[in-house]
Amino acid sequence: MNDQELHNLVVMISDKYFHKPFRHKAFFNPRLRTTGGRYMLSSHNIEINKKYFEQLGEAELIGIIKHELCHYHLHIEGNGYKHRDKDFRDLLKKVDAPRFCSALPEEKKRRAKQKFIFYQCSSCKLTYRRKRSINTSKYVCGKCRGKLIKVKEMTVE
């Protein structure tokens, strides 16, 4: 699928589900990494992450387009277009759009193996779990200000 086919799909979905025209541009943005798509407030354009279409298929792409069109149409009309707004959540339900996109398979693999470092306070014995190591000579226990000691490092799958 190229940018023109994506734009035509967005126009078709806007007419079918929202009964309103989409008058701006929709295109793939190869720089998007952590999100399925985004609606640009200043230009009213919609950018889509092509990886979601390639790895999860057209159904996921249509869900992302519906989600971004909810932002688009609500913003154009002057209603609440943010994720926390009631107008946005109601429109998502009405058009059966997902609130969040699915995780990519490569992201699931990356998140599956996580390294944790455990620290324990020498005074009150409180245990801290961290993903990143900390400088024990600089940081102290938040409860009693005691000295922190590295207990163990663990990789969880």
N, C-alpha and C. Protein backbone atom coordinates (compact mmCIF):
# COMPACT_ATOMS: atom_id res chain seq x y z
N MET A 1 0.85 -1.18 0.00
CA MET A 1 0.00 0.00 0.00
C MET A 1 0.90 1.24 0.00
N ASN A 2 0.57 2.19 -0.86
CA ASN A 2 1.33 3.43 -0.91
C ASN A 2 0.52 4.57 -0.27
N ASP A 3 1.08 5.77 -0.26
CA ASP A 3 0.43 6.91 0.39
C ASP A 3 -0.91 7.26 -0.24
N GLN A 4 -1.00 7.16 -1.56
CA GLN A 4 -2.26 7.51 -2.25
C GLN A 4 -3.36 6.51 -1.88
N GLU A 5 -3.02 5.22 -1.83
CA GLU A 5 -4.01 4.20 -1.45
C GLU A 5 -4.44 4.40 0.00
N LEU A 6 -3.49 4.76 0.87
CA LEU A 6 -3.82 5.05 2.27
C LEU A 6 -4.78 6.24 2.35
N HIS A 7 -4.47 7.30 1.61
CA HIS A 7 -5.32 8.49 1.61
C HIS A 7 -6.74 8.14 1.16
N ASN A 8 -6.86 7.34 0.09
CA ASN A 8 -8.18 6.93 -0.40
C ASN A 8 -8.93 6.11 0.64
N LEU A 9 -8.21 5.24 1.37
CA LEU A 9 -8.82 4.44 2.43
C LEU A 9 -9.33 5.34 3.56
N VAL A 10 -8.56 6.34 3.94
CA VAL A 10 -8.96 7.27 4.99
C VAL A 10 -10.22 8.04 4.57
N VAL A 11 -10.25 8.50 3.33
CA VAL A 11 -11.42 9.22 2.81
C VAL A 11 -12.65 8.32 2.84
N MET A 12 -12.48 7.07 2.43
CA MET A 12 -13.60 6.11 2.41
C MET A 12 -14.10 5.81 3.83
N ILE A 13 -13.20 5.60 4.77
CA ILE A 13 -13.59 5.32 6.16
C ILE A 13 -14.27 6.53 6.78
N SER A 14 -13.80 7.73 6.47
CA SER A 14 -14.41 8.94 6.99
C SER A 14 -15.85 9.08 6.50
N ASP A 15 -16.08 8.81 5.22
CA ASP A 15 -17.43 8.87 4.67
C ASP A 15 -18.33 7.79 5.25
N LYS A 16 -17.81 6.57 5.34
CA LYS A 16 -18.62 5.42 5.76
C LYS A 16 -19.00 5.46 7.24
N TYR A 17 -18.04 5.75 8.12
CA TYR A 17 -18.29 5.67 9.55
C TYR A 17 -18.66 7.01 10.20
N PHE A 18 -18.13 8.10 9.66
CA PHE A 18 -18.35 9.41 10.28
C PHE A 18 -19.35 10.26 9.49
N HIS A 19 -19.62 9.88 8.23
CA HIS A 19 -20.52 10.61 7.34
C HIS A 19 -20.08 12.07 7.19
N LYS A 20 -18.78 12.27 7.17
CA LYS A 20 -18.17 13.59 7.02
C LYS A 20 -16.96 13.45 6.11
N PRO A 21 -16.64 14.50 5.34
CA PRO A 21 -15.49 14.40 4.44
C PRO A 21 -14.16 14.59 5.17
N PHE A 22 -13.14 13.94 4.64
CA PHE A 22 -11.77 14.15 5.12
C PHE A 22 -11.09 15.00 4.06
N ARG A 23 -10.73 16.24 4.39
CA ARG A 23 -10.25 17.20 3.40
C ARG A 23 -8.75 17.47 3.48
N HIS A 24 -8.02 16.69 4.24
CA HIS A 24 -6.59 16.94 4.40
C HIS A 24 -5.80 15.74 3.90
N LYS A 25 -4.54 15.64 4.28
CA LYS A 25 -3.68 14.57 3.78
C LYS A 25 -3.52 13.45 4.81
N ALA A 26 -3.40 12.24 4.30
CA ALA A 26 -3.06 11.08 5.13
C ALA A 26 -1.91 10.37 4.43
N PHE A 27 -0.89 10.03 5.20
CA PHE A 27 0.29 9.40 4.60
C PHE A 27 1.03 8.58 5.65
N PHE A 28 1.90 7.68 5.16
CA PHE A 28 2.74 6.89 6.04
C PHE A 28 3.93 7.73 6.48
N ASN A 29 4.26 7.66 7.76
CA ASN A 29 5.44 8.35 8.29
C ASN A 29 6.41 7.28 8.81
N PRO A 30 7.52 7.07 8.13
CA PRO A 30 8.46 6.01 8.54
C PRO A 30 9.18 6.32 9.86
N ARG A 31 9.10 7.56 10.34
CA ARG A 31 9.79 7.90 11.59
C ARG A 31 8.99 7.55 12.83
N LEU A 32 7.70 7.24 12.68
CA LEU A 32 6.91 6.86 13.86
C LEU A 32 7.40 5.52 14.39
N ARG A 33 7.57 5.43 15.71
CA ARG A 33 8.08 4.20 16.29
C ARG A 33 7.17 3.61 17.37
N THR A 34 6.66 4.45 18.24
CA THR A 34 5.94 3.93 19.41
C THR A 34 4.43 4.07 19.29
N THR A 35 3.94 4.54 18.17
CA THR A 35 2.50 4.75 18.03
C THR A 35 2.04 4.29 16.66
N GLY A 36 0.77 3.94 16.56
CA GLY A 36 0.21 3.47 15.29
C GLY A 36 -0.05 4.61 14.32
N GLY A 37 -0.34 5.78 14.86
CA GLY A 37 -0.61 6.92 14.00
C GLY A 37 -0.70 8.18 14.84
N ARG A 38 -0.80 9.33 14.15
CA ARG A 38 -1.00 10.56 14.90
C ARG A 38 -1.71 11.58 14.04
N TYR A 39 -2.52 12.38 14.71
CA TYR A 39 -3.24 13.47 14.08
C TYR A 39 -2.49 14.75 14.40
N MET A 40 -2.17 15.52 13.38
CA MET A 40 -1.42 16.75 13.57
C MET A 40 -2.40 17.92 13.73
N LEU A 41 -2.38 18.56 14.89
CA LEU A 41 -3.32 19.64 15.19
C LEU A 41 -3.13 20.84 14.26
N SER A 42 -1.90 21.18 13.93
CA SER A 42 -1.65 22.39 13.16
C SER A 42 -2.02 22.24 11.68
N SER A 43 -1.69 21.09 11.09
CA SER A 43 -1.94 20.90 9.66
C SER A 43 -3.19 20.08 9.37
N HIS A 44 -3.75 19.42 10.37
CA HIS A 44 -4.91 18.52 10.26
C HIS A 44 -4.60 17.26 9.45
N ASN A 45 -3.33 16.97 9.22
CA ASN A 45 -2.96 15.76 8.50
C ASN A 45 -2.91 14.58 9.45
N ILE A 46 -3.03 13.39 8.88
CA ILE A 46 -2.94 12.15 9.66
C ILE A 46 -1.74 11.37 9.16
N GLU A 47 -0.87 10.97 10.11
CA GLU A 47 0.31 10.18 9.79
C GLU A 47 0.11 8.78 10.37
N ILE A 48 0.47 7.77 9.60
CA ILE A 48 0.27 6.37 10.01
C ILE A 48 1.62 5.65 10.00
N ASN A 49 1.82 4.77 10.99
CA ASN A 49 3.01 3.93 11.06
C ASN A 49 2.79 2.71 10.17
N LYS A 50 3.60 2.58 9.13
CA LYS A 50 3.43 1.49 8.16
C LYS A 50 3.70 0.11 8.75
N LYS A 51 4.52 0.05 9.81
CA LYS A 51 4.83 -1.25 10.44
C LYS A 51 3.57 -1.95 10.94
N TYR A 52 2.60 -1.17 11.41
CA TYR A 52 1.37 -1.78 11.92
C TYR A 52 0.60 -2.46 10.80
N PHE A 53 0.58 -1.85 9.62
CA PHE A 53 -0.08 -2.47 8.48
C PHE A 53 0.68 -3.72 8.03
N GLU A 54 1.98 -3.63 7.96
CA GLU A 54 2.80 -4.74 7.48
C GLU A 54 2.78 -5.93 8.43
N GLN A 55 2.80 -5.67 9.74
CA GLN A 55 2.92 -6.76 10.71
C GLN A 55 1.57 -7.25 11.27
N LEU A 56 0.57 -6.36 11.34
CA LEU A 56 -0.70 -6.75 11.96
C LEU A 56 -1.88 -6.75 10.99
N GLY A 57 -1.70 -6.25 9.79
CA GLY A 57 -2.72 -6.37 8.77
C GLY A 57 -3.66 -5.18 8.65
N GLU A 58 -4.60 -5.32 7.71
CA GLU A 58 -5.51 -4.23 7.36
C GLU A 58 -6.52 -3.92 8.45
N ALA A 59 -6.95 -4.93 9.20
CA ALA A 59 -7.93 -4.69 10.27
C ALA A 59 -7.36 -3.74 11.32
N GLU A 60 -6.11 -3.94 11.70
CA GLU A 60 -5.45 -3.06 12.67
C GLU A 60 -5.29 -1.66 12.08
N LEU A 61 -4.94 -1.58 10.80
CA LEU A 61 -4.79 -0.29 10.12
C LEU A 61 -6.11 0.48 10.13
N ILE A 62 -7.21 -0.19 9.85
CA ILE A 62 -8.52 0.46 9.84
C ILE A 62 -8.87 0.97 11.24
N GLY A 63 -8.54 0.21 12.27
CA GLY A 63 -8.76 0.65 13.65
C GLY A 63 -7.96 1.91 13.97
N ILE A 64 -6.72 1.95 13.54
CA ILE A 64 -5.86 3.13 13.77
C ILE A 64 -6.43 4.34 13.03
N ILE A 65 -6.87 4.13 11.80
CA ILE A 65 -7.43 5.23 11.00
C ILE A 65 -8.70 5.77 11.68
N LYS A 66 -9.57 4.89 12.14
CA LYS A 66 -10.79 5.33 12.84
C LYS A 66 -10.43 6.16 14.07
N HIS A 67 -9.43 5.71 14.83
CA HIS A 67 -9.00 6.42 16.03
C HIS A 67 -8.52 7.83 15.68
N GLU A 68 -7.68 7.92 14.66
CA GLU A 68 -7.15 9.23 14.27
C GLU A 68 -8.23 10.12 13.67
N LEU A 69 -9.20 9.53 12.98
CA LEU A 69 -10.31 10.31 12.44
C LEU A 69 -11.20 10.85 13.56
N CYS A 70 -11.28 10.14 14.67
CA CYS A 70 -12.01 10.66 15.84
C CYS A 70 -11.35 11.96 16.32
N HIS A 71 -10.02 11.94 16.44
CA HIS A 71 -9.30 13.17 16.81
C HIS A 71 -9.59 14.27 15.78
N TYR A 72 -9.50 13.92 14.51
CA TYR A 72 -9.65 14.87 13.41
C TYR A 72 -11.01 15.55 13.43
N HIS A 73 -12.07 14.76 13.39
CA HIS A 73 -13.41 15.34 13.28
C HIS A 73 -13.80 16.13 14.53
N LEU A 74 -13.44 15.63 15.70
CA LEU A 74 -13.76 16.36 16.94
C LEU A 74 -13.00 17.68 17.01
N HIS A 75 -11.74 17.67 16.61
CA HIS A 75 -10.94 18.89 16.63
C HIS A 75 -11.48 19.92 15.65
N ILE A 76 -11.84 19.48 14.45
CA ILE A 76 -12.39 20.37 13.42
C ILE A 76 -13.70 21.01 13.92
N GLU A 77 -14.52 20.22 14.63
CA GLU A 77 -15.82 20.71 15.12
C GLU A 77 -15.69 21.54 16.40
N GLY A 78 -14.52 21.51 17.02
CA GLY A 78 -14.32 22.27 18.25
C GLY A 78 -14.76 21.53 19.50
N ASN A 79 -14.90 20.22 19.42
CA ASN A 79 -15.28 19.41 20.59
C ASN A 79 -14.03 18.82 21.24
N GLY A 80 -14.22 18.09 22.34
CA GLY A 80 -13.09 17.48 23.06
C GLY A 80 -12.47 16.36 22.26
N TYR A 81 -11.24 16.56 21.79
CA TYR A 81 -10.57 15.61 20.91
C TYR A 81 -9.46 14.83 21.61
N LYS A 82 -9.19 15.11 22.88
CA LYS A 82 -8.10 14.43 23.59
C LYS A 82 -8.59 13.10 24.14
N HIS A 83 -7.63 12.21 24.45
CA HIS A 83 -7.97 10.86 24.92
C HIS A 83 -8.85 10.86 26.15
N ARG A 84 -8.68 11.83 27.03
CA ARG A 84 -9.43 11.83 28.29
C ARG A 84 -10.81 12.47 28.17
N ASP A 85 -11.13 13.10 27.03
CA ASP A 85 -12.40 13.80 26.87
C ASP A 85 -13.55 12.83 26.63
N LYS A 86 -14.71 13.15 27.19
CA LYS A 86 -15.90 12.31 27.05
C LYS A 86 -16.34 12.24 25.59
N ASP A 87 -16.30 13.37 24.88
CA ASP A 87 -16.69 13.39 23.46
C ASP A 87 -15.86 12.38 22.67
N PHE A 88 -14.58 12.34 22.94
CA PHE A 88 -13.66 11.44 22.23
C PHE A 88 -14.00 9.98 22.54
N ARG A 89 -14.18 9.67 23.81
CA ARG A 89 -14.48 8.28 24.19
C ARG A 89 -15.83 7.83 23.63
N ASP A 90 -16.82 8.74 23.62
CA ASP A 90 -18.13 8.40 23.07
C ASP A 90 -18.06 8.12 21.58
N LEU A 91 -17.31 8.95 20.85
CA LEU A 91 -17.17 8.74 19.40
C LEU A 91 -16.41 7.46 19.09
N LEU A 92 -15.41 7.13 19.90
CA LEU A 92 -14.68 5.87 19.72
C LEU A 92 -15.64 4.68 19.80
N LYS A 93 -16.52 4.71 20.79
CA LYS A 93 -17.50 3.62 20.94
C LYS A 93 -18.47 3.58 19.77
N LYS A 94 -18.90 4.75 19.34
CA LYS A 94 -19.89 4.84 18.25
C LYS A 94 -19.37 4.23 16.95
N VAL A 95 -18.11 4.50 16.62
CA VAL A 95 -17.54 4.00 15.36
C VAL A 95 -16.73 2.72 15.55
N ASP A 96 -16.73 2.18 16.77
CA ASP A 96 -16.01 0.93 17.10
C ASP A 96 -14.51 1.04 16.79
N ALA A 97 -13.91 2.11 17.31
CA ALA A 97 -12.48 2.33 17.13
C ALA A 97 -11.74 1.98 18.42
N PRO A 98 -10.53 1.44 18.33
CA PRO A 98 -9.77 1.11 19.55
C PRO A 98 -9.24 2.37 20.24
N ARG A 99 -9.18 2.32 21.56
CA ARG A 99 -8.63 3.45 22.32
C ARG A 99 -7.10 3.48 22.19
N PHE A 100 -6.50 2.29 22.13
CA PHE A 100 -5.05 2.16 21.95
C PHE A 100 -4.79 1.11 20.88
N CYS A 101 -3.70 1.24 20.16
CA CYS A 101 -3.37 0.23 19.15
C CYS A 101 -2.65 -0.95 19.81
N SER A 102 -2.67 -2.07 19.14
CA SER A 102 -2.02 -3.28 19.65
C SER A 102 -0.50 -3.09 19.63
N ALA A 103 0.17 -3.89 20.45
CA ALA A 103 1.63 -3.85 20.46
C ALA A 103 2.17 -4.64 19.27
N LEU A 104 3.23 -4.15 18.68
CA LEU A 104 3.86 -4.87 17.57
C LEU A 104 4.54 -6.13 18.09
N PRO A 105 4.57 -7.20 17.29
CA PRO A 105 5.23 -8.44 17.74
C PRO A 105 6.69 -8.23 18.16
N GLU A 106 7.42 -7.36 17.45
CA GLU A 106 8.83 -7.11 17.80
C GLU A 106 8.93 -6.41 19.15
N GLU A 107 7.95 -5.58 19.49
CA GLU A 107 7.94 -4.90 20.79
C GLU A 107 7.65 -5.89 21.91
N LYS A 108 6.76 -6.84 21.65
CA LYS A 108 6.44 -7.86 22.66
C LYS A 108 7.69 -8.68 22.99
N LYS A 109 8.46 -9.03 21.95
CA LYS A 109 9.70 -9.80 22.18
C LYS A 109 10.69 -9.00 23.00
N ARG A 110 10.80 -7.71 22.67
CA ARG A 110 11.76 -6.85 23.37
C ARG A 110 11.36 -6.69 24.84
N ARG A 111 10.05 -6.56 25.07
CA ARG A 111 9.57 -6.37 26.44
C ARG A 111 9.55 -7.67 27.24
N ALA A 112 9.55 -8.81 26.54
CA ALA A 112 9.46 -10.10 27.22
C ALA A 112 10.65 -10.33 28.14
N LYS A 113 11.85 -9.96 27.71
CA LYS A 113 13.04 -10.11 28.53
C LYS A 113 13.35 -8.78 29.19
N GLN A 114 13.15 -8.72 30.48
CA GLN A 114 13.44 -7.49 31.20
C GLN A 114 14.42 -7.77 32.33
N LYS A 115 15.37 -6.86 32.49
CA LYS A 115 16.36 -6.98 33.54
C LYS A 115 15.93 -6.10 34.71
N PHE A 116 15.93 -6.68 35.90
CA PHE A 116 15.61 -5.93 37.11
C PHE A 116 16.78 -6.00 38.07
N ILE A 117 17.01 -4.90 38.75
CA ILE A 117 18.06 -4.83 39.77
C ILE A 117 17.37 -4.54 41.09
N PHE A 118 17.69 -5.32 42.10
CA PHE A 118 17.07 -5.17 43.41
C PHE A 118 18.06 -4.54 44.39
N TYR A 119 17.60 -3.53 45.11
CA TYR A 119 18.37 -2.85 46.15
C TYR A 119 17.61 -2.99 47.45
N GLN A 120 18.37 -3.06 48.55
CA GLN A 120 17.75 -3.15 49.87
C GLN A 120 18.39 -2.14 50.81
N CYS A 121 17.55 -1.53 51.62
CA CYS A 121 18.04 -0.57 52.60
C CYS A 121 18.70 -1.34 53.73
N SER A 122 19.89 -0.88 54.15
CA SER A 122 20.61 -1.56 55.23
C SER A 122 19.95 -1.32 56.59
N SER A 123 19.16 -0.26 56.73
CA SER A 123 18.52 0.05 58.02
C SER A 123 17.15 -0.59 58.16
N CYS A 124 16.21 -0.24 57.26
CA CYS A 124 14.83 -0.69 57.43
C CYS A 124 14.49 -1.92 56.59
N LYS A 125 15.42 -2.39 55.79
CA LYS A 125 15.27 -3.60 54.96
C LYS A 125 14.22 -3.47 53.84
N LEU A 126 13.83 -2.26 53.49
CA LEU A 126 12.90 -2.04 52.39
C LEU A 126 13.59 -2.39 51.08
N THR A 127 12.89 -3.11 50.18
CA THR A 127 13.47 -3.55 48.92
C THR A 127 12.94 -2.68 47.78
N TYR A 128 13.85 -2.29 46.90
CA TYR A 128 13.51 -1.49 45.72
C TYR A 128 13.83 -2.31 44.47
N ARG A 129 12.92 -2.30 43.50
CA ARG A 129 13.15 -2.97 42.22
C ARG A 129 13.29 -1.89 41.15
N ARG A 130 14.38 -1.93 40.39
CA ARG A 130 14.64 -0.92 39.38
C ARG A 130 15.03 -1.58 38.05
N LYS A 131 14.70 -0.91 36.94
CA LYS A 131 15.12 -1.38 35.63
C LYS A 131 16.51 -0.86 35.29
N ARG A 132 16.87 0.28 35.86
CA ARG A 132 18.19 0.87 35.62
C ARG A 132 18.96 0.89 36.93
N SER A 133 20.27 0.74 36.82
CA SER A 133 21.08 0.75 38.04
C SER A 133 21.19 2.17 38.58
N ILE A 134 21.35 2.28 39.87
CA ILE A 134 21.47 3.59 40.51
C ILE A 134 22.80 3.68 41.25
N ASN A 135 23.24 4.88 41.46
CA ASN A 135 24.49 5.14 42.17
C ASN A 135 24.20 5.08 43.67
N THR A 136 24.62 4.00 44.33
CA THR A 136 24.30 3.81 45.75
C THR A 136 25.04 4.77 46.67
N SER A 137 26.10 5.40 46.18
CA SER A 137 26.77 6.40 47.02
C SER A 137 26.06 7.75 46.96
N LYS A 138 25.21 7.93 45.97
CA LYS A 138 24.50 9.19 45.80
C LYS A 138 23.06 9.12 46.33
N TYR A 139 22.39 7.96 46.16
CA TYR A 139 20.99 7.82 46.55
C TYR A 139 20.85 7.01 47.83
N VAL A 140 19.84 7.37 48.62
CA VAL A 140 19.56 6.69 49.90
C VAL A 140 18.10 6.22 49.91
N CYS A 141 17.75 5.49 50.95
CA CYS A 141 16.39 4.99 51.12
C CYS A 141 15.42 6.17 51.27
N GLY A 142 14.29 6.09 50.58
CA GLY A 142 13.29 7.15 50.65
C GLY A 142 12.49 7.13 51.93
N LYS A 143 12.53 6.02 52.64
CA LYS A 143 11.75 5.88 53.87
C LYS A 143 12.53 6.36 55.09
N CYS A 144 13.78 5.86 55.21
CA CYS A 144 14.54 6.16 56.44
C CYS A 144 15.89 6.83 56.17
N ARG A 145 16.23 7.07 54.90
CA ARG A 145 17.48 7.67 54.49
C ARG A 145 18.71 6.79 54.79
N GLY A 146 18.46 5.48 54.90
CA GLY A 146 19.55 4.52 55.13
C GLY A 146 20.31 4.22 53.85
N LYS A 147 21.44 3.55 53.97
CA LYS A 147 22.30 3.22 52.84
C LYS A 147 21.68 2.07 52.03
N LEU A 148 21.70 2.21 50.69
CA LEU A 148 21.18 1.17 49.80
C LEU A 148 22.29 0.21 49.41
N ILE A 149 21.94 -1.08 49.37
CA ILE A 149 22.89 -2.13 48.99
C ILE A 149 22.28 -2.92 47.84
N LYS A 150 23.08 -3.16 46.80
CA LYS A 150 22.62 -3.96 45.66
C LYS A 150 22.51 -5.41 46.09
N VAL A 151 21.30 -5.98 45.97
CA VAL A 151 21.07 -7.34 46.42
C VAL A 151 21.27 -8.34 45.29
N LYS A 152 20.56 -8.14 44.17
CA LYS A 152 20.70 -9.08 43.04
C LYS A 152 20.22 -8.43 41.74
N GLU A 153 20.64 -9.07 40.63
CA GLU A 153 20.20 -8.70 39.30
C GLU A 153 19.48 -9.89 38.73
N MET A 154 18.32 -9.64 38.11
CA MET A 154 17.49 -10.73 37.61
C MET A 154 16.95 -10.41 36.23
N THR A 155 16.97 -11.39 35.32
CA THR A 155 16.33 -11.24 34.02
C THR A 155 15.05 -12.04 34.04
N VAL A 156 13.91 -11.34 33.80
CA VAL A 156 12.61 -11.98 33.83
C VAL A 156 12.10 -12.09 32.41
N GLU A 157 11.59 -13.29 32.05
CA GLU A 157 11.06 -13.50 30.69
C GLU A 157 9.56 -13.59 30.72
